[in-house]
């Protein structure tokens, strides 16, 4: 009997019609800028900051519009891969968008 009541309770609409209330959407902190490479040749994804962020390695402020990458520096819980990717500034891990390298070669 209690199992049926629990099942019915979990299926009760709460506000927006879903089984559970949804969390409000958080504003984006960054936008994907595209594929990039670090100075050592490692491929990564570059992001552009939409708000001030702190670098996970040196705690420097990543300014609005500045490029940065995300790296799993500290193991933790994440819904997808089991690690939490944290922002790392361009001074700690210099990077260059892959399109910028092609333009620099054609100019020179």
C-alpha atoms as a PDB file:
ATOM      1  CA  UNK A   1       0.000   0.000   0.000  1.00  0.00           C
ATOM      2  CA  UNK A   2       2.725   2.496   0.933  1.00  0.00           C
ATOM      3  CA  UNK A   3       4.544   1.673  -2.311  1.00  0.00           C
ATOM      4  CA  UNK A   4       1.494   2.668  -4.355  1.00  0.00           C
ATOM      5  CA  UNK A   5       1.196   5.927  -2.410  1.00  0.00           C
ATOM      6  CA  UNK A   6       4.887   6.685  -2.951  1.00  0.00           C
ATOM      7  CA  UNK A   7       4.550   6.000  -6.679  1.00  0.00           C
ATOM      8  CA  UNK A   8       1.495   8.278  -6.904  1.00  0.00           C
ATOM      9  CA  UNK A   9       3.299  11.030  -4.970  1.00  0.00           C
ATOM     10  CA  UNK A  10       6.320  10.974  -7.312  1.00  0.00           C
ATOM     11  CA  UNK A  11       4.005  11.336 -10.318  1.00  0.00           C
ATOM     12  CA  UNK A  12       2.112  14.332  -8.918  1.00  0.00           C
ATOM     13  CA  UNK A  13       2.695  17.456 -11.032  1.00  0.00           C
ATOM     14  CA  UNK A  14       4.368  20.287  -9.131  1.00  0.00           C
ATOM     15  CA  UNK A  15       3.911  23.634 -10.809  1.00  0.00           C
ATOM     16  CA  UNK A  16       5.314  23.139 -14.330  1.00  0.00           C
ATOM     17  CA  UNK A  17       3.761  19.703 -14.853  1.00  0.00           C
ATOM     18  CA  UNK A  18       6.931  17.726 -14.115  1.00  0.00           C
ATOM     19  CA  UNK A  19       7.401  15.144 -11.401  1.00  0.00           C
ATOM     20  CA  UNK A  20      10.015  17.279  -9.600  1.00  0.00           C
ATOM     21  CA  UNK A  21      10.406  21.051  -9.378  1.00  0.00           C
ATOM     22  CA  UNK A  22      13.119  22.256 -11.746  1.00  0.00           C
ATOM     23  CA  UNK A  23      16.051  24.431 -10.706  1.00  0.00           C
ATOM     24  CA  UNK A  24      16.153  27.897 -12.285  1.00  0.00           C
ATOM     25  CA  UNK A  25      18.600  28.219 -15.183  1.00  0.00           C
ATOM     26  CA  UNK A  26      21.880  29.771 -14.064  1.00  0.00           C
ATOM     27  CA  UNK A  27      23.362  32.481 -16.307  1.00  0.00           C
ATOM     28  CA  UNK A  28      26.192  31.322 -18.539  1.00  0.00           C
ATOM     29  CA  UNK A  29      29.732  32.090 -17.332  1.00  0.00           C
ATOM     30  CA  UNK A  30      31.418  31.334 -20.643  1.00  0.00           C
ATOM     31  CA  UNK A  31      30.852  30.568 -24.303  1.00  0.00           C
ATOM     32  CA  UNK A  32      32.704  28.010 -26.426  1.00  0.00           C
ATOM     33  CA  UNK A  33      35.168  29.818 -28.719  1.00  0.00           C
ATOM     34  CA  UNK A  34      36.314  26.772 -30.693  1.00  0.00           C
ATOM     35  CA  UNK A  35      39.127  24.251 -31.004  1.00  0.00           C
ATOM     36  CA  UNK A  36      42.548  25.371 -29.786  1.00  0.00           C
ATOM     37  CA  UNK A  37      46.054  24.107 -29.025  1.00  0.00           C
ATOM     38  CA  UNK A  38      48.266  24.662 -26.017  1.00  0.00           C
ATOM     39  CA  UNK A  39      51.928  25.626 -26.460  1.00  0.00           C
ATOM     40  CA  UNK A  40      52.924  21.972 -25.969  1.00  0.00           C
ATOM     41  CA  UNK A  41      50.666  20.940 -28.886  1.00  0.00           C
ATOM     42  CA  UNK A  42      47.880  19.422 -26.789  1.00  0.00           C
ATOM     43  CA  UNK A  43      44.433  19.923 -28.324  1.00  0.00           C
ATOM     44  CA  UNK A  44      41.740  21.529 -26.182  1.00  0.00           C
ATOM     45  CA  UNK A  45      38.591  23.612 -26.396  1.00  0.00           C
ATOM     46  CA  UNK A  46      38.883  27.351 -25.877  1.00  0.00           C
ATOM     47  CA  UNK A  47      36.197  29.278 -24.025  1.00  0.00           C
ATOM     48  CA  UNK A  48      35.505  33.026 -23.882  1.00  0.00           C
ATOM     49  CA  UNK A  49      34.565  34.447 -20.475  1.00  0.00           C
ATOM     50  CA  UNK A  50      31.167  36.173 -20.281  1.00  0.00           C
ATOM     51  CA  UNK A  51      31.825  37.269 -16.704  1.00  0.00           C
ATOM     52  CA  UNK A  52      34.799  37.517 -14.368  1.00  0.00           C
ATOM     53  CA  UNK A  53      36.122  34.059 -13.432  1.00  0.00           C
ATOM     54  CA  UNK A  54      38.965  32.913 -11.183  1.00  0.00           C
ATOM     55  CA  UNK A  55      41.757  30.718 -12.548  1.00  0.00           C
ATOM     56  CA  UNK A  56      41.889  27.393 -10.716  1.00  0.00           C
ATOM     57  CA  UNK A  57      45.705  27.323 -10.714  1.00  0.00           C
ATOM     58  CA  UNK A  58      46.838  30.863  -9.887  1.00  0.00           C
ATOM     59  CA  UNK A  59      43.566  32.531  -8.736  1.00  0.00           C
ATOM     60  CA  UNK A  60      44.085  35.370 -11.245  1.00  0.00           C
ATOM     61  CA  UNK A  61      40.877  36.970 -12.509  1.00  0.00           C
ATOM     62  CA  UNK A  62      39.945  35.925 -16.047  1.00  0.00           C
ATOM     63  CA  UNK A  63      38.437  39.107 -17.510  1.00  0.00           C
ATOM     64  CA  UNK A  64      35.321  39.337 -19.677  1.00  0.00           C
ATOM     65  CA  UNK A  65      36.151  38.365 -23.264  1.00  0.00           C
ATOM     66  CA  UNK A  66      39.434  36.640 -22.376  1.00  0.00           C
ATOM     67  CA  UNK A  67      40.155  33.134 -23.692  1.00  0.00           C
ATOM     68  CA  UNK A  68      40.709  30.270 -21.267  1.00  0.00           C
ATOM     69  CA  UNK A  69      40.520  26.478 -21.178  1.00  0.00           C
ATOM     70  CA  UNK A  70      38.973  24.027 -18.741  1.00  0.00           C
ATOM     71  CA  UNK A  71      40.941  21.224 -17.100  1.00  0.00           C
ATOM     72  CA  UNK A  72      40.158  18.536 -14.549  1.00  0.00           C
ATOM     73  CA  UNK A  73      42.582  19.642 -11.844  1.00  0.00           C
ATOM     74  CA  UNK A  74      40.710  18.286  -8.857  1.00  0.00           C
ATOM     75  CA  UNK A  75      38.803  15.012  -8.925  1.00  0.00           C
ATOM     76  CA  UNK A  76      35.242  15.439  -7.859  1.00  0.00           C
ATOM     77  CA  UNK A  77      31.675  14.552  -8.638  1.00  0.00           C
ATOM     78  CA  UNK A  78      30.244  15.463 -12.005  1.00  0.00           C
ATOM     79  CA  UNK A  79      27.186  14.184 -13.800  1.00  0.00           C
ATOM     80  CA  UNK A  80      29.072  13.264 -16.961  1.00  0.00           C
ATOM     81  CA  UNK A  81      32.686  12.190 -16.531  1.00  0.00           C
ATOM     82  CA  UNK A  82      33.366  11.928 -12.827  1.00  0.00           C
ATOM     83  CA  UNK A  83      35.700  14.957 -12.772  1.00  0.00           C
ATOM     84  CA  UNK A  84      34.982  18.669 -12.531  1.00  0.00           C
ATOM     85  CA  UNK A  85      36.589  20.781 -15.293  1.00  0.00           C
ATOM     86  CA  UNK A  86      37.803  24.101 -13.863  1.00  0.00           C
ATOM     87  CA  UNK A  87      38.800  27.281 -15.728  1.00  0.00           C
ATOM     88  CA  UNK A  88      42.538  27.802 -16.286  1.00  0.00           C
ATOM     89  CA  UNK A  89      43.786  31.165 -17.590  1.00  0.00           C
ATOM     90  CA  UNK A  90      46.004  31.760 -20.617  1.00  0.00           C
ATOM     91  CA  UNK A  91      49.001  32.613 -18.451  1.00  0.00           C
ATOM     92  CA  UNK A  92      49.040  29.226 -16.709  1.00  0.00           C
ATOM     93  CA  UNK A  93      48.296  27.215 -19.882  1.00  0.00           C
ATOM     94  CA  UNK A  94      48.887  29.427 -22.959  1.00  0.00           C
ATOM     95  CA  UNK A  95      46.597  28.516 -25.829  1.00  0.00           C
ATOM     96  CA  UNK A  96      45.871  29.630 -29.371  1.00  0.00           C
ATOM     97  CA  UNK A  97      42.716  29.164 -31.415  1.00  0.00           C
ATOM     98  CA  UNK A  98      43.377  26.816 -34.330  1.00  0.00           C
ATOM     99  CA  UNK A  99      42.002  29.352 -36.840  1.00  0.00           C
ATOM    100  CA  UNK A 100      44.495  31.996 -35.589  1.00  0.00           C
ATOM    101  CA  UNK A 101      47.479  29.775 -36.490  1.00  0.00           C
ATOM    102  CA  UNK A 102      46.295  29.465 -40.101  1.00  0.00           C
ATOM    103  CA  UNK A 103      45.835  33.247 -40.421  1.00  0.00           C
ATOM    104  CA  UNK A 104      49.294  33.925 -38.937  1.00  0.00           C
ATOM    105  CA  UNK A 105      50.934  31.600 -41.484  1.00  0.00           C
ATOM    106  CA  UNK A 106      49.188  33.302 -44.434  1.00  0.00           C
ATOM    107  CA  UNK A 107      50.121  36.803 -43.260  1.00  0.00           C
ATOM    108  CA  UNK A 108      53.835  35.989 -42.865  1.00  0.00           C
END
